[in-house]
Protein backbone atom coordinates (compact mmCIF):
# COMPACT_ATOMS: atom_id res chain seq x y z
CA UNK A 1 111.71 102.80 95.22
CA UNK A 2 111.44 106.10 97.25
CA UNK A 3 114.99 107.21 96.32
CA UNK A 4 115.41 110.51 94.38
CA UNK A 5 111.16 111.05 94.15
CA UNK A 6 109.00 113.04 95.68
CA UNK A 7 106.02 111.70 98.30
CA UNK A 8 102.85 113.34 99.34
CA UNK A 9 101.11 112.82 102.69
CA UNK A 10 97.45 113.75 103.36
CA UNK A 11 96.97 114.14 107.00
CA UNK A 12 100.63 113.74 107.43
CA UNK A 13 100.79 115.35 111.23
CA UNK A 14 98.64 112.30 112.40
CA UNK A 15 100.04 109.21 113.96
CA UNK A 16 100.68 107.23 110.47
CA UNK A 17 102.35 110.26 109.12
CA UNK A 18 104.67 111.24 111.62
CA UNK A 19 106.02 107.13 111.58
CA UNK A 20 105.97 106.95 107.62
CA UNK A 21 107.77 110.20 107.38
CA UNK A 22 110.22 109.07 109.86
CA UNK A 23 110.46 105.48 108.30
CA UNK A 24 111.15 107.45 104.52
CA UNK A 25 113.82 109.57 106.26
CA UNK A 26 115.58 106.54 107.76
CA UNK A 27 115.53 103.92 105.00
CA UNK A 28 115.58 106.19 101.69
CA UNK A 29 116.77 109.24 100.23
CA UNK A 30 113.65 110.80 98.79
CA UNK A 31 113.70 114.31 97.16
CA UNK A 32 110.84 115.52 98.55
CA UNK A 33 108.17 114.66 101.52
CA UNK A 34 105.39 117.12 101.74
CA UNK A 35 103.16 116.90 104.47
CA UNK A 36 99.57 118.01 103.41
CA UNK A 37 97.08 118.58 106.56
CA UNK A 38 95.07 121.94 107.86
CA UNK A 39 96.26 122.08 111.33
CA UNK A 40 99.28 124.72 111.51
CA UNK A 41 100.16 123.87 115.34
CA UNK A 42 100.75 120.54 114.20
CA UNK A 43 102.96 121.50 111.16
CA UNK A 44 105.08 123.93 113.46
CA UNK A 45 105.90 120.94 115.78
CA UNK A 46 106.74 118.73 113.03
CA UNK A 47 109.14 121.41 111.34
CA UNK A 48 110.65 121.27 114.59
CA UNK A 49 110.85 117.27 114.97
CA UNK A 50 112.06 116.78 111.16
CA UNK A 51 114.32 119.19 110.36
CA UNK A 52 115.56 117.87 107.01
CA UNK A 53 116.02 119.47 103.88
CA UNK A 54 113.85 117.29 101.86
CA UNK A 55 110.75 118.15 104.30
CA UNK A 56 107.82 120.48 102.57
CA UNK A 57 104.77 121.70 104.46
CA UNK A 58 101.59 122.28 102.58
CA UNK A 59 98.87 123.85 104.85
CA UNK A 60 95.61 122.73 103.48
CA UNK A 61 92.42 120.46 103.64
CA UNK A 62 91.37 117.80 101.00
CA UNK A 63 88.33 119.34 101.03
CA UNK A 64 89.55 122.23 98.81
CA UNK A 65 90.23 120.19 95.19
CA UNK A 66 92.37 123.19 94.06
CA UNK A 67 94.98 123.45 96.87
CA UNK A 68 95.40 119.95 96.13
CA UNK A 69 96.13 119.88 92.79
CA UNK A 70 98.60 122.42 93.83
CA UNK A 71 100.42 120.33 96.58
CA UNK A 72 100.59 117.62 93.97
CA UNK A 73 102.49 119.24 91.29
CA UNK A 74 105.49 116.96 90.93
CA UNK A 75 104.74 114.52 93.15
CA UNK A 76 105.55 110.48 92.09
CA UNK A 77 103.63 108.43 95.31
CA UNK A 78 100.78 109.83 97.48
CA UNK A 79 99.61 108.33 100.54
CA UNK A 80 95.90 109.58 101.32
CA UNK A 81 95.65 109.11 105.32
CA UNK A 82 93.24 112.35 106.08
CA UNK A 83 90.07 111.39 107.08
CA UNK A 84 87.35 112.01 110.14
CA UNK A 85 88.06 109.07 112.10
CA UNK A 86 85.71 109.25 115.44
CA UNK A 87 82.66 107.29 115.31
CA UNK A 88 80.61 109.02 117.64
CA UNK A 89 81.70 112.51 116.18
CA UNK A 90 80.77 111.14 112.66
CA UNK A 91 77.13 109.83 114.08
CA UNK A 92 76.58 113.55 115.17
CA UNK A 93 78.03 115.43 112.46
CA UNK A 94 77.68 112.98 109.43
CA UNK A 95 77.53 116.13 106.51
CA UNK A 96 81.32 116.68 108.08
CA UNK A 97 82.40 113.59 107.75
CA UNK A 98 80.91 113.13 104.36
CA UNK A 99 82.78 116.06 102.82
CA UNK A 100 86.05 115.14 104.45
CA UNK A 101 85.84 111.30 103.33
CA UNK A 102 84.18 110.95 100.71
CA UNK A 103 84.56 114.35 98.76
CA UNK A 104 88.14 114.42 99.87
CA UNK A 105 88.49 110.92 98.56
CA UNK A 106 87.50 112.45 95.14
CA UNK A 107 89.62 115.70 95.33
CA UNK A 108 92.98 113.42 95.81
CA UNK A 109 92.06 111.30 92.96
CA UNK A 110 91.12 114.39 90.63
CA UNK A 111 94.57 116.01 91.90
CA UNK A 112 96.73 112.42 91.35
CA UNK A 113 95.31 112.07 87.92
CA UNK A 114 95.78 116.47 87.11
CA UNK A 115 99.36 115.81 88.22
CA UNK A 116 100.04 112.27 86.64
CA UNK A 117 101.14 111.17 90.25
CA UNK A 118 102.57 107.29 89.61
CA UNK A 119 100.72 105.87 92.31
CA UNK A 120 98.35 106.28 95.19
CA UNK A 121 97.58 104.51 98.43
CA UNK A 122 94.48 105.29 100.53
CA UNK A 123 94.43 104.18 103.93
CA UNK A 124 91.19 102.21 104.93
CA UNK A 125 89.71 100.60 108.38
CA UNK A 126 88.36 97.23 109.34
CA UNK A 127 84.87 99.74 109.87
CA UNK A 128 84.63 99.70 105.60
CA UNK A 129 83.77 96.01 105.87
CA UNK A 130 79.62 95.72 106.48
CA UNK A 131 79.64 99.04 107.77
CA UNK A 132 77.52 99.51 110.76
CA UNK A 133 78.57 103.23 111.30
CA UNK A 134 78.69 106.44 109.21
CA UNK A 135 82.51 106.57 109.34
CA UNK A 136 82.66 102.80 107.98
CA UNK A 137 79.71 103.81 105.55
CA UNK A 138 82.22 106.81 104.20
CA UNK A 139 85.37 105.01 104.00
CA UNK A 140 83.92 101.82 102.18
CA UNK A 141 82.40 104.62 99.84
CA UNK A 142 86.20 106.08 99.59
CA UNK A 143 87.62 102.49 99.18
CA UNK A 144 85.36 102.26 96.15
CA UNK A 145 85.98 105.14 94.39
CA UNK A 146 89.93 104.78 94.67
CA UNK A 147 89.55 101.27 93.16
CA UNK A 148 87.41 102.44 90.55
CA UNK A 149 89.96 105.27 89.72
CA UNK A 150 91.88 103.17 87.52
CA UNK A 151 88.91 102.63 85.13
CA UNK A 152 88.86 106.47 85.12
CA UNK A 153 92.44 107.31 84.81
CA UNK A 154 92.24 105.53 81.22
CA UNK A 155 96.01 106.01 79.59
CA UNK A 156 96.55 108.32 82.23
CA UNK A 157 99.75 106.32 84.35
CA UNK A 158 98.32 106.90 87.75
CA UNK A 159 97.25 104.04 89.46
CA UNK A 160 95.44 103.53 92.49
CA UNK A 161 95.19 101.15 95.55
CA UNK A 162 93.86 100.72 99.28
CA UNK A 163 95.25 99.71 102.32
CA UNK A 164 93.08 98.28 105.03
CA UNK A 165 93.44 97.22 108.58
CA UNK A 166 92.25 97.24 112.44
CA UNK A 167 93.43 99.20 115.62
CA UNK A 168 97.07 100.61 115.67
CA UNK A 169 98.41 100.09 119.17
CA UNK A 170 99.27 103.49 120.81
CA UNK A 171 97.58 105.52 118.20
CA UNK A 172 95.71 108.70 119.03
CA UNK A 173 92.47 107.31 120.26
CA UNK A 174 93.25 104.07 120.64
CA UNK A 175 92.52 102.15 124.13
CA UNK A 176 96.29 101.53 125.03
CA UNK A 177 97.16 105.23 125.61
CA UNK A 178 93.83 105.64 127.22
CA UNK A 179 93.82 102.42 129.56
CA UNK A 180 98.03 104.01 130.63
CA UNK A 181 96.56 107.03 131.79
CA UNK A 182 93.75 105.88 133.83
CA UNK A 183 96.89 103.30 135.35
CA UNK A 184 99.12 106.32 136.19
CA UNK A 185 96.33 108.37 137.81
CA UNK A 186 95.59 105.72 140.06
CA UNK A 187 92.61 104.29 138.78
CA UNK A 188 91.08 101.27 140.98
CA UNK A 189 89.51 99.41 138.00
CA UNK A 190 89.40 99.61 134.21
CA UNK A 191 86.43 99.92 132.04
CA UNK A 192 85.85 97.13 129.40
CA UNK A 193 83.30 97.68 126.89
CA UNK A 194 82.53 93.62 126.65
CA UNK A 195 84.24 90.95 128.36
CA UNK A 196 83.98 89.16 124.68
CA UNK A 197 85.26 91.64 122.36
CA UNK A 198 88.08 91.41 120.42
CA UNK A 199 89.94 93.27 118.28
CA UNK A 200 92.73 93.03 115.36
CA UNK A 201 96.33 94.31 116.47
CA UNK A 202 98.85 95.93 114.58
CA UNK A 203 101.84 98.28 115.50
CA UNK A 204 102.47 101.67 113.65
CA UNK A 205 105.49 100.55 112.07
CA UNK A 206 104.20 97.30 110.97
CA UNK A 207 101.33 99.53 109.65
CA UNK A 208 103.69 101.80 107.53
CA UNK A 209 105.80 98.93 106.30
CA UNK A 210 102.88 97.31 104.95
CA UNK A 211 102.07 100.48 102.91
CA UNK A 212 105.50 100.83 101.71
CA UNK A 213 105.35 97.21 100.54
CA UNK A 214 101.81 97.79 98.93
CA UNK A 215 103.29 100.38 96.68
CA UNK A 216 105.53 97.54 95.22
CA UNK A 217 103.53 95.20 95.13
CA UNK A 218 100.25 96.84 93.64
CA UNK A 219 99.06 96.83 89.96
CA UNK A 220 95.97 99.11 90.95
CA UNK A 221 92.60 98.40 92.09
CA UNK A 222 93.69 95.88 94.65
CA UNK A 223 92.44 96.26 98.26
CA UNK A 224 95.47 95.00 100.44
CA UNK A 225 94.92 93.58 104.10
CA UNK A 226 97.67 92.20 106.52
CA UNK A 227 97.59 88.87 108.27
CA UNK A 228 97.67 90.04 111.79
CA UNK A 229 97.14 89.03 115.27
CA UNK A 230 93.87 89.56 117.53
CA UNK A 231 93.49 90.30 120.92
CA UNK A 232 90.89 90.08 123.49
CA UNK A 233 89.91 93.46 125.60
CA UNK A 234 89.53 91.99 128.63
CA UNK A 235 93.35 90.04 128.14
CA UNK A 236 94.31 93.58 127.37
CA UNK A 237 93.16 94.77 130.23
CA UNK A 238 94.52 92.10 132.66
CA UNK A 239 97.90 92.37 130.84
CA UNK A 240 98.46 96.07 131.38
CA UNK A 241 97.12 96.27 134.99
CA UNK A 242 96.58 92.99 136.53
CA UNK A 243 95.77 94.07 139.93
CA UNK A 244 92.95 96.27 138.69
CA UNK A 245 88.90 94.86 138.37
CA UNK A 246 87.29 95.34 135.34
CA UNK A 247 84.00 97.34 134.88
CA UNK A 248 81.64 96.43 132.19
CA UNK A 249 80.65 99.57 130.50
CA UNK A 250 78.88 98.41 127.46
CA UNK A 251 79.18 98.64 123.74
CA UNK A 252 78.82 102.61 122.56
CA UNK A 253 76.41 103.11 119.47
CA UNK A 254 77.76 101.92 116.11
CA UNK A 255 80.51 100.06 117.82
CA UNK A 256 81.08 96.39 116.70
CA UNK A 257 81.67 93.26 119.08
CA UNK A 258 84.09 91.98 116.99
CA UNK A 259 86.10 93.62 114.14
CA UNK A 260 85.69 92.26 110.33
CA UNK A 261 88.24 93.11 107.44
CA UNK A 262 86.75 90.54 104.89
CA UNK A 263 83.20 89.53 104.69
CA UNK A 264 82.06 86.03 103.21
CA UNK A 265 80.79 88.13 100.03
CA UNK A 266 84.06 89.94 99.61
CA UNK A 267 85.82 86.62 99.85
CA UNK A 268 84.70 85.41 96.71
CA UNK A 269 86.94 88.13 95.32
CA UNK A 270 89.60 87.48 97.76
CA UNK A 271 93.21 86.13 97.26
CA UNK A 272 95.55 84.82 100.30
CA UNK A 273 98.90 85.19 99.91
CA UNK A 274 102.05 84.23 102.71
CA UNK A 275 101.17 87.23 104.69
CA UNK A 276 98.17 89.23 103.54
CA UNK A 277 94.80 89.19 101.60
CA UNK A 278 94.10 91.29 98.49
CA UNK A 279 90.71 91.52 97.80
CA UNK A 280 90.50 91.99 94.06
CA UNK A 281 88.49 94.66 91.97
CA UNK A 282 84.69 93.56 91.43
CA UNK A 283 84.36 95.74 88.11
CA UNK A 284 85.95 95.01 84.97
CA UNK A 285 88.75 97.17 83.90
CA UNK A 286 90.02 98.08 80.86
CA UNK A 287 93.16 96.41 81.39
CA UNK A 288 92.52 93.20 83.03
CA UNK A 289 94.97 91.87 85.69
CA UNK A 290 95.74 88.27 87.41
CA UNK A 291 95.54 89.29 90.91
CA UNK A 292 96.77 86.00 92.22
CA UNK A 293 100.16 87.22 91.07
CA UNK A 294 101.67 90.40 92.10
CA UNK A 295 103.93 92.87 90.57
CA UNK A 296 107.12 91.50 92.96
CA UNK A 297 106.11 87.65 91.83
CA UNK A 298 104.38 86.70 94.84
CA UNK A 299 101.74 84.42 94.32
CA UNK A 300 98.44 83.69 96.16
CA UNK A 301 95.39 81.12 95.97
CA UNK A 302 91.68 82.07 97.17
CA UNK A 303 90.67 81.29 100.62
CA UNK A 304 88.32 78.40 101.58
CA UNK A 305 84.74 78.57 100.66
CA UNK A 306 82.59 80.50 103.34
CA UNK A 307 85.80 82.41 104.68
CA UNK A 308 85.38 85.65 106.44
CA UNK A 309 88.57 87.24 108.11
CA UNK A 310 87.21 88.34 111.62
CA UNK A 311 89.20 89.01 115.11
CA UNK A 312 87.08 86.45 116.65
CA UNK A 313 87.67 83.69 114.14
CA UNK A 314 91.33 84.51 113.89
CA UNK A 315 93.86 81.44 114.29
CA UNK A 316 96.37 83.70 116.03
CA UNK A 317 95.70 85.48 119.44
CA UNK A 318 98.13 87.37 121.71
CA UNK A 319 98.84 86.04 125.16
CA UNK A 320 99.34 88.19 128.17
CA UNK A 321 103.35 88.33 127.82
CA UNK A 322 102.65 89.18 124.00
CA UNK A 323 100.45 91.84 124.19
CA UNK A 324 102.78 93.88 126.77
CA UNK A 325 105.94 93.03 124.13
CA UNK A 326 103.79 94.37 121.56
CA UNK A 327 102.78 97.61 123.50
CA UNK A 328 105.94 98.28 124.92
CA UNK A 329 107.45 98.53 121.11
CA UNK A 330 104.18 100.60 119.80
């Protein structure tokens, strides 16, 4: 799909961008792979790591619409991964979070339409489902913008979809490297937010593969959600350091006890496939689609009445050995 095509990743120096670009270089022969981000040091480091003739680096911020328009010239596919993601930081700096996550989404849509980009996938988060914090609220707005952009496109060829998933094992800011650091430093206990807390669990490679599959599956307007296992945070701590006690520290402001990716209200517009779900657009498009069959010919069906996809209700929970095996490959 990406052979002899040009691909741009906003926020491309992040955890997802690194793994996505490595996967493209290993599996495809892209004409250009463009990293769009605002951190010159991270771009410099990445240039040393990915010394490949197809690589291009654009310094810029998604808040800058004109720069995005320049960067997307002759681009075929865009992954929008740039965002301000730290929940407490967003609560203390709401305007900055809105400028990047909401205004930045608008700018990506504008630039893609202005350049006739073929397909755009925006990365979302479980926190956008029934949000309780500002970060989640801005990502919900972003999701809605990308879905509605398919109507704005009109006769333009550009199509937009969204991918949503939960905790990424080993990514920057996740609990696994935090626990590892404490264990390596000789900690005598591990801080656990709440003994009941659960989270969805996905590796970075699985997330990248799911996004790549989304480009092949999408008509435009879908919100793709993978079927992935759950973990109990207390089990994670036990698996990583069975000799250490747990210290319960309580839930932080804006944090959920369990992750939710499809609410009961959203399930009314949801189609269940073999290994993923699709939340279909709630608005009518000029070009009507039957999302129960995707571009690849995969077919789905409505979930049971009253369904919701939550980490505590997930039928697949990881055991201690499974947790260690996944963490080792993250």
